[in-house]
Amino acid sequence: MLHEAVAESGADADVVDRTGRILHVMTYCEGMGTSLRRYPHAVALMEAYLRHLRRLGPTVERCFAVATVATTSPRRPALLTDEVPGIGEVPGIKERWDEARASYLALIDRTEWCEVARGGLADGDQRLMWLATKMAGDLRLRAFSET
C-alpha cells in the first residue's frame, strides 16, 4: 500500500518527491481513479508525507505539492476539509484530517518555504506561476500573497 511504502521510505528524497506527484494526481483525479479524498488510507499517507517533508525541507516541487494538496476552492470541494474518508466510521479521523490540513498550510507558510516558492516564481517555474495566477486568491498563502 502507498501509505505504508511512504511511511517506511526513510525520507528518501526521490520517494518523497514521487509521492508529492502522486498526491497531486490524486488531488485532481476525481472520477478518473482513486482520489485522495476517497483513498481509505489518505490520512496516514498525508501524515507520513508531512513527516518526511519536515525533515527534507523545501524545494520548488515540494512547495507546489504541499500547496495543491492543501488547496481549498469555491469551485470544487475542499480536498482536506470535506468528504473525509471514514467520517462517522473511524473515531478521530476528522480531527486527524483537519490537523493534516493545518500542518500542510503551516509548513508552506514557514519563511524558508515562502522563500523557495518566491524563488520558483522569480525563476518562472510554471507550476508555481499556475498557483499564483489561478489559485492565489483561494490559497491565501504568504508565499503567493506577498509577491
N, C-alpha and C. Protein backbone atom coordinates (compact mmCIF):
# COMPACT_ATOMS: atom_id res chain seq x y z
N MET A 1 0.82 -1.18 0.00
CA MET A 1 0.00 0.00 0.00
C MET A 1 0.87 1.24 0.00
N LEU A 2 0.40 2.27 -0.67
CA LEU A 2 1.15 3.51 -0.82
C LEU A 2 1.51 4.13 0.52
N HIS A 3 0.56 4.22 1.42
CA HIS A 3 0.84 4.87 2.71
C HIS A 3 1.92 4.13 3.49
N GLU A 4 1.96 2.82 3.38
CA GLU A 4 2.99 2.04 4.07
C GLU A 4 4.36 2.25 3.43
N ALA A 5 4.40 2.26 2.11
CA ALA A 5 5.67 2.47 1.40
C ALA A 5 6.26 3.84 1.75
N VAL A 6 5.42 4.85 1.81
CA VAL A 6 5.90 6.19 2.13
C VAL A 6 6.36 6.25 3.58
N ALA A 7 5.59 5.67 4.48
CA ALA A 7 5.95 5.69 5.90
C ALA A 7 7.28 5.00 6.14
N GLU A 8 7.57 3.95 5.38
CA GLU A 8 8.78 3.16 5.59
C GLU A 8 9.95 3.60 4.72
N SER A 9 9.77 4.65 3.94
CA SER A 9 10.80 5.03 2.97
C SER A 9 12.05 5.64 3.59
N GLY A 10 11.99 6.03 4.85
CA GLY A 10 13.15 6.63 5.48
C GLY A 10 13.46 8.02 4.96
N ALA A 11 12.46 8.73 4.48
CA ALA A 11 12.61 10.09 3.96
C ALA A 11 13.56 10.15 2.77
N ASP A 12 13.58 9.09 1.97
CA ASP A 12 14.33 9.10 0.73
C ASP A 12 13.76 10.21 -0.16
N ALA A 13 14.60 11.15 -0.55
CA ALA A 13 14.12 12.33 -1.28
C ALA A 13 13.39 11.95 -2.56
N ASP A 14 13.87 10.95 -3.26
CA ASP A 14 13.21 10.54 -4.51
C ASP A 14 11.82 9.99 -4.24
N VAL A 15 11.69 9.16 -3.20
CA VAL A 15 10.38 8.61 -2.84
C VAL A 15 9.43 9.74 -2.41
N VAL A 16 9.94 10.66 -1.63
CA VAL A 16 9.12 11.77 -1.15
C VAL A 16 8.64 12.62 -2.32
N ASP A 17 9.53 12.94 -3.25
CA ASP A 17 9.15 13.77 -4.39
C ASP A 17 8.17 13.05 -5.32
N ARG A 18 8.36 11.77 -5.50
CA ARG A 18 7.41 10.99 -6.32
C ARG A 18 6.05 10.91 -5.61
N THR A 19 6.08 10.82 -4.30
CA THR A 19 4.83 10.82 -3.53
C THR A 19 4.08 12.13 -3.72
N GLY A 20 4.81 13.24 -3.73
CA GLY A 20 4.18 14.53 -3.98
C GLY A 20 3.49 14.56 -5.33
N ARG A 21 4.12 13.97 -6.34
CA ARG A 21 3.49 13.92 -7.67
C ARG A 21 2.24 13.06 -7.66
N ILE A 22 2.32 11.93 -6.95
CA ILE A 22 1.15 11.05 -6.85
C ILE A 22 0.02 11.77 -6.11
N LEU A 23 0.34 12.44 -5.03
CA LEU A 23 -0.68 13.18 -4.27
C LEU A 23 -1.33 14.26 -5.13
N HIS A 24 -0.53 14.93 -5.94
CA HIS A 24 -1.08 15.94 -6.83
C HIS A 24 -2.09 15.31 -7.80
N VAL A 25 -1.71 14.19 -8.38
CA VAL A 25 -2.63 13.49 -9.30
C VAL A 25 -3.88 13.05 -8.56
N MET A 26 -3.71 12.47 -7.37
CA MET A 26 -4.87 12.01 -6.60
C MET A 26 -5.77 13.18 -6.21
N THR A 27 -5.19 14.35 -6.03
CA THR A 27 -5.96 15.53 -5.66
C THR A 27 -6.90 15.93 -6.80
N TYR A 28 -6.44 15.76 -8.03
CA TYR A 28 -7.20 16.24 -9.18
C TYR A 28 -7.80 15.13 -10.04
N CYS A 29 -7.78 13.89 -9.59
CA CYS A 29 -8.24 12.79 -10.44
C CYS A 29 -9.67 12.34 -10.16
N GLU A 30 -10.44 13.12 -9.46
CA GLU A 30 -11.81 12.75 -9.13
C GLU A 30 -12.52 12.20 -10.37
N GLY A 31 -13.00 10.96 -10.28
CA GLY A 31 -13.71 10.34 -11.38
C GLY A 31 -12.82 9.60 -12.36
N MET A 32 -11.50 9.73 -12.22
CA MET A 32 -10.58 9.07 -13.15
C MET A 32 -9.73 8.01 -12.47
N GLY A 33 -9.88 7.86 -11.20
CA GLY A 33 -9.08 6.93 -10.43
C GLY A 33 -9.36 7.15 -8.97
N THR A 34 -8.54 6.60 -8.11
CA THR A 34 -8.75 6.79 -6.68
C THR A 34 -8.28 8.18 -6.29
N SER A 35 -9.22 9.00 -5.90
CA SER A 35 -8.87 10.35 -5.48
C SER A 35 -8.37 10.32 -4.05
N LEU A 36 -7.69 11.37 -3.67
CA LEU A 36 -7.15 11.45 -2.32
C LEU A 36 -8.25 11.35 -1.28
N ARG A 37 -9.35 12.02 -1.51
CA ARG A 37 -10.41 12.01 -0.51
C ARG A 37 -11.12 10.66 -0.43
N ARG A 38 -10.96 9.82 -1.45
CA ARG A 38 -11.60 8.51 -1.43
C ARG A 38 -10.62 7.36 -1.10
N TYR A 39 -9.36 7.70 -0.97
CA TYR A 39 -8.34 6.71 -0.62
C TYR A 39 -8.49 6.37 0.85
N PRO A 40 -8.74 5.11 1.19
CA PRO A 40 -9.03 4.76 2.58
C PRO A 40 -7.91 5.09 3.57
N HIS A 41 -6.69 5.19 3.08
CA HIS A 41 -5.55 5.46 3.96
C HIS A 41 -4.99 6.86 3.74
N ALA A 42 -5.84 7.76 3.27
CA ALA A 42 -5.40 9.12 2.93
C ALA A 42 -4.75 9.82 4.12
N VAL A 43 -5.35 9.73 5.28
CA VAL A 43 -4.81 10.46 6.43
C VAL A 43 -3.44 9.91 6.81
N ALA A 44 -3.28 8.60 6.83
CA ALA A 44 -1.98 8.01 7.15
C ALA A 44 -0.94 8.42 6.11
N LEU A 45 -1.33 8.47 4.84
CA LEU A 45 -0.43 8.89 3.78
C LEU A 45 -0.03 10.35 3.96
N MET A 46 -1.01 11.21 4.24
CA MET A 46 -0.73 12.62 4.43
C MET A 46 0.21 12.85 5.62
N GLU A 47 -0.02 12.12 6.69
CA GLU A 47 0.83 12.27 7.88
C GLU A 47 2.26 11.81 7.61
N ALA A 48 2.42 10.67 6.92
CA ALA A 48 3.76 10.16 6.61
C ALA A 48 4.50 11.11 5.67
N TYR A 49 3.82 11.59 4.66
CA TYR A 49 4.43 12.52 3.71
C TYR A 49 4.87 13.80 4.42
N LEU A 50 4.03 14.30 5.29
CA LEU A 50 4.35 15.51 6.04
C LEU A 50 5.59 15.32 6.93
N ARG A 51 5.70 14.18 7.59
CA ARG A 51 6.89 13.92 8.42
C ARG A 51 8.16 14.01 7.58
N HIS A 52 8.13 13.44 6.38
CA HIS A 52 9.30 13.47 5.51
C HIS A 52 9.59 14.88 5.00
N LEU A 53 8.55 15.61 4.66
CA LEU A 53 8.74 16.98 4.18
C LEU A 53 9.41 17.84 5.24
N ARG A 54 9.01 17.67 6.48
CA ARG A 54 9.61 18.46 7.57
C ARG A 54 11.10 18.18 7.69
N ARG A 55 11.51 16.94 7.49
CA ARG A 55 12.92 16.58 7.59
C ARG A 55 13.72 17.05 6.39
N LEU A 56 13.15 16.92 5.21
CA LEU A 56 13.89 17.22 3.98
C LEU A 56 13.94 18.70 3.64
N GLY A 57 12.91 19.43 4.00
CA GLY A 57 12.88 20.86 3.69
C GLY A 57 12.29 21.16 2.33
N PRO A 58 12.22 22.46 2.02
CA PRO A 58 11.51 22.88 0.81
C PRO A 58 12.33 22.75 -0.47
N THR A 59 11.63 22.45 -1.54
CA THR A 59 12.10 22.61 -2.92
C THR A 59 10.91 23.19 -3.66
N VAL A 60 11.11 23.66 -4.85
CA VAL A 60 10.01 24.19 -5.64
C VAL A 60 8.94 23.11 -5.83
N GLU A 61 9.38 21.91 -6.16
CA GLU A 61 8.43 20.82 -6.37
C GLU A 61 7.63 20.50 -5.11
N ARG A 62 8.28 20.50 -3.98
CA ARG A 62 7.58 20.22 -2.71
C ARG A 62 6.62 21.35 -2.35
N CYS A 63 7.02 22.58 -2.62
CA CYS A 63 6.10 23.72 -2.38
C CYS A 63 4.84 23.56 -3.22
N PHE A 64 5.01 23.20 -4.46
CA PHE A 64 3.87 23.00 -5.35
C PHE A 64 2.97 21.88 -4.82
N ALA A 65 3.57 20.76 -4.45
CA ALA A 65 2.79 19.62 -3.96
C ALA A 65 2.01 19.98 -2.70
N VAL A 66 2.68 20.61 -1.75
CA VAL A 66 2.02 20.97 -0.48
C VAL A 66 0.87 21.94 -0.74
N ALA A 67 1.10 22.94 -1.55
CA ALA A 67 0.06 23.94 -1.81
C ALA A 67 -1.13 23.34 -2.55
N THR A 68 -0.89 22.51 -3.55
CA THR A 68 -2.01 21.97 -4.30
C THR A 68 -2.81 20.97 -3.49
N VAL A 69 -2.16 20.19 -2.68
CA VAL A 69 -2.89 19.21 -1.88
C VAL A 69 -3.73 19.89 -0.81
N ALA A 70 -3.24 20.97 -0.24
CA ALA A 70 -3.96 21.66 0.83
C ALA A 70 -4.92 22.74 0.34
N THR A 71 -5.06 22.87 -0.96
CA THR A 71 -5.89 23.92 -1.54
C THR A 71 -7.37 23.76 -1.20
N THR A 72 -7.99 24.89 -0.97
CA THR A 72 -9.44 24.94 -0.89
C THR A 72 -9.90 25.91 -1.97
N SER A 73 -11.03 25.61 -2.55
CA SER A 73 -11.52 26.46 -3.63
C SER A 73 -13.04 26.44 -3.67
N PRO A 74 -13.67 27.58 -3.91
CA PRO A 74 -15.12 27.57 -4.04
C PRO A 74 -15.58 26.83 -5.29
N ARG A 75 -14.67 26.59 -6.24
CA ARG A 75 -15.03 25.91 -7.48
C ARG A 75 -15.07 24.39 -7.34
N ARG A 76 -14.49 23.88 -6.29
CA ARG A 76 -14.51 22.43 -6.06
C ARG A 76 -14.43 22.18 -4.56
N PRO A 77 -14.83 21.01 -4.10
CA PRO A 77 -14.79 20.76 -2.66
C PRO A 77 -13.38 20.92 -2.10
N ALA A 78 -13.31 21.35 -0.87
CA ALA A 78 -12.03 21.50 -0.19
C ALA A 78 -11.45 20.11 0.06
N LEU A 79 -10.34 19.83 -0.56
CA LEU A 79 -9.82 18.47 -0.57
C LEU A 79 -9.45 17.95 0.81
N LEU A 80 -8.99 18.82 1.67
CA LEU A 80 -8.62 18.36 3.00
C LEU A 80 -9.58 18.88 4.06
N THR A 81 -10.76 19.27 3.64
CA THR A 81 -11.73 19.72 4.63
C THR A 81 -13.07 19.03 4.49
N ASP A 82 -13.44 18.59 3.31
CA ASP A 82 -14.75 17.98 3.07
C ASP A 82 -14.60 16.51 2.69
N GLU A 83 -15.68 15.78 2.86
CA GLU A 83 -15.75 14.39 2.45
C GLU A 83 -14.55 13.56 2.93
N VAL A 84 -14.26 13.67 4.18
CA VAL A 84 -13.14 12.93 4.75
C VAL A 84 -13.48 11.45 4.78
N PRO A 85 -12.58 10.59 4.25
CA PRO A 85 -12.84 9.16 4.29
C PRO A 85 -13.04 8.67 5.71
N GLY A 86 -14.07 7.88 5.92
CA GLY A 86 -14.29 7.26 7.21
C GLY A 86 -14.97 8.13 8.24
N ILE A 87 -15.39 9.35 7.87
CA ILE A 87 -16.07 10.20 8.85
C ILE A 87 -17.28 9.44 9.38
N GLY A 88 -17.41 9.41 10.67
CA GLY A 88 -18.50 8.68 11.29
C GLY A 88 -18.22 7.20 11.45
N GLU A 89 -17.19 6.71 10.79
CA GLU A 89 -16.85 5.29 10.86
C GLU A 89 -15.61 5.04 11.72
N VAL A 90 -14.66 5.94 11.62
CA VAL A 90 -13.39 5.77 12.34
C VAL A 90 -13.26 6.89 13.36
N PRO A 91 -13.23 6.56 14.64
CA PRO A 91 -13.10 7.60 15.66
C PRO A 91 -11.82 8.42 15.47
N GLY A 92 -11.96 9.73 15.54
CA GLY A 92 -10.81 10.63 15.47
C GLY A 92 -10.32 10.96 14.07
N ILE A 93 -10.90 10.38 13.02
CA ILE A 93 -10.38 10.59 11.67
C ILE A 93 -10.58 12.04 11.21
N LYS A 94 -11.69 12.64 11.55
CA LYS A 94 -11.95 14.03 11.16
C LYS A 94 -10.91 14.95 11.80
N GLU A 95 -10.61 14.73 13.06
CA GLU A 95 -9.61 15.55 13.75
C GLU A 95 -8.23 15.38 13.12
N ARG A 96 -7.86 14.14 12.77
CA ARG A 96 -6.57 13.90 12.12
C ARG A 96 -6.52 14.56 10.75
N TRP A 97 -7.62 14.51 10.01
CA TRP A 97 -7.70 15.12 8.68
C TRP A 97 -7.52 16.63 8.81
N ASP A 98 -8.24 17.24 9.76
CA ASP A 98 -8.14 18.69 9.98
C ASP A 98 -6.73 19.07 10.40
N GLU A 99 -6.12 18.27 11.25
CA GLU A 99 -4.76 18.54 11.69
C GLU A 99 -3.77 18.43 10.53
N ALA A 100 -3.97 17.45 9.65
CA ALA A 100 -3.09 17.31 8.48
C ALA A 100 -3.17 18.56 7.61
N ARG A 101 -4.37 19.03 7.34
CA ARG A 101 -4.52 20.23 6.51
C ARG A 101 -3.86 21.43 7.18
N ALA A 102 -4.09 21.62 8.46
CA ALA A 102 -3.48 22.74 9.18
C ALA A 102 -1.96 22.63 9.15
N SER A 103 -1.44 21.43 9.25
CA SER A 103 0.01 21.23 9.23
C SER A 103 0.60 21.54 7.86
N TYR A 104 -0.09 21.17 6.79
CA TYR A 104 0.38 21.49 5.45
C TYR A 104 0.39 23.00 5.22
N LEU A 105 -0.67 23.65 5.65
CA LEU A 105 -0.74 25.11 5.49
C LEU A 105 0.33 25.80 6.32
N ALA A 106 0.59 25.31 7.53
CA ALA A 106 1.64 25.89 8.37
C ALA A 106 3.02 25.67 7.76
N LEU A 107 3.23 24.51 7.16
CA LEU A 107 4.52 24.20 6.55
C LEU A 107 4.80 25.15 5.39
N ILE A 108 3.86 25.31 4.48
CA ILE A 108 4.07 26.16 3.32
C ILE A 108 4.16 27.63 3.72
N ASP A 109 3.72 27.97 4.91
CA ASP A 109 3.78 29.35 5.39
C ASP A 109 5.09 29.67 6.12
N ARG A 110 5.92 28.67 6.37
CA ARG A 110 7.22 28.93 7.02
C ARG A 110 8.08 29.81 6.12
N THR A 111 8.90 30.61 6.73
CA THR A 111 9.73 31.57 6.00
C THR A 111 10.57 30.88 4.93
N GLU A 112 11.24 29.78 5.27
CA GLU A 112 12.12 29.12 4.28
C GLU A 112 11.32 28.54 3.12
N TRP A 113 10.10 28.08 3.38
CA TRP A 113 9.25 27.57 2.31
C TRP A 113 8.76 28.72 1.44
N CYS A 114 8.40 29.83 2.06
CA CYS A 114 7.98 31.02 1.29
C CYS A 114 9.10 31.49 0.38
N GLU A 115 10.31 31.51 0.89
CA GLU A 115 11.45 31.97 0.09
C GLU A 115 11.69 31.08 -1.11
N VAL A 116 11.58 29.77 -0.93
CA VAL A 116 11.76 28.83 -2.04
C VAL A 116 10.65 29.02 -3.08
N ALA A 117 9.41 29.17 -2.61
CA ALA A 117 8.29 29.37 -3.53
C ALA A 117 8.47 30.68 -4.30
N ARG A 118 8.87 31.74 -3.63
CA ARG A 118 9.09 33.02 -4.31
C ARG A 118 10.24 32.92 -5.31
N GLY A 119 11.27 32.17 -4.94
CA GLY A 119 12.38 31.96 -5.88
C GLY A 119 11.92 31.21 -7.12
N GLY A 120 11.05 30.22 -6.93
CA GLY A 120 10.49 29.50 -8.08
C GLY A 120 9.66 30.40 -8.97
N LEU A 121 8.89 31.28 -8.35
CA LEU A 121 8.11 32.26 -9.13
C LEU A 121 9.04 33.18 -9.92
N ALA A 122 10.07 33.67 -9.25
CA ALA A 122 11.02 34.58 -9.90
C ALA A 122 11.74 33.90 -11.06
N ASP A 123 11.98 32.60 -10.93
CA ASP A 123 12.64 31.84 -11.99
C ASP A 123 11.67 31.40 -13.09
N GLY A 124 10.39 31.71 -12.90
CA GLY A 124 9.39 31.38 -13.92
C GLY A 124 8.90 29.94 -13.89
N ASP A 125 9.00 29.27 -12.75
CA ASP A 125 8.50 27.90 -12.66
C ASP A 125 7.01 27.88 -13.00
N GLN A 126 6.65 27.11 -14.00
CA GLN A 126 5.28 27.09 -14.50
C GLN A 126 4.28 26.59 -13.47
N ARG A 127 4.68 25.64 -12.64
CA ARG A 127 3.76 25.12 -11.61
C ARG A 127 3.41 26.21 -10.61
N LEU A 128 4.42 26.92 -10.15
CA LEU A 128 4.17 27.98 -9.18
C LEU A 128 3.50 29.19 -9.82
N MET A 129 3.80 29.43 -11.09
CA MET A 129 3.11 30.51 -11.81
C MET A 129 1.61 30.18 -11.89
N TRP A 130 1.30 28.92 -12.16
CA TRP A 130 -0.10 28.50 -12.21
C TRP A 130 -0.77 28.71 -10.86
N LEU A 131 -0.10 28.30 -9.79
CA LEU A 131 -0.65 28.51 -8.45
C LEU A 131 -0.89 29.99 -8.18
N ALA A 132 0.09 30.80 -8.50
CA ALA A 132 -0.01 32.23 -8.21
C ALA A 132 -1.11 32.92 -9.03
N THR A 133 -1.27 32.51 -10.28
CA THR A 133 -2.25 33.19 -11.13
C THR A 133 -3.65 32.61 -11.03
N LYS A 134 -3.76 31.30 -10.90
CA LYS A 134 -5.08 30.65 -10.91
C LYS A 134 -5.67 30.43 -9.53
N MET A 135 -4.83 30.34 -8.51
CA MET A 135 -5.34 29.96 -7.21
C MET A 135 -4.90 30.86 -6.08
N ALA A 136 -4.22 31.94 -6.38
CA ALA A 136 -3.68 32.81 -5.33
C ALA A 136 -4.76 33.30 -4.38
N GLY A 137 -5.90 33.66 -4.91
CA GLY A 137 -6.98 34.14 -4.05
C GLY A 137 -7.51 33.06 -3.13
N ASP A 138 -7.54 31.83 -3.61
CA ASP A 138 -8.03 30.71 -2.81
C ASP A 138 -7.00 30.25 -1.79
N LEU A 139 -5.73 30.31 -2.16
CA LEU A 139 -4.69 29.78 -1.28
C LEU A 139 -4.47 30.62 -0.03
N ARG A 140 -4.46 31.93 -0.19
CA ARG A 140 -4.19 32.84 0.92
C ARG A 140 -2.89 32.48 1.65
N LEU A 141 -1.89 32.15 0.87
CA LEU A 141 -0.59 31.80 1.43
C LEU A 141 0.37 32.96 1.29
N ARG A 142 1.15 33.17 2.31
CA ARG A 142 2.09 34.28 2.35
C ARG A 142 3.05 34.26 1.17
N ALA A 143 3.50 33.09 0.78
CA ALA A 143 4.45 32.97 -0.34
C ALA A 143 3.90 33.56 -1.62
N PHE A 144 2.60 33.50 -1.80
CA PHE A 144 1.98 33.97 -3.03
C PHE A 144 1.33 35.33 -2.86
N SER A 145 0.89 35.65 -1.66
CA SER A 145 0.19 36.91 -1.45
C SER A 145 1.13 38.10 -1.33
N GLU A 146 2.38 37.86 -1.01
CA GLU A 146 3.34 38.95 -0.84
C GLU A 146 4.23 39.13 -2.05
N THR A 147 3.82 38.54 -3.19
CA THR A 147 4.65 38.67 -4.40
C THR A 147 3.98 39.62 -5.36
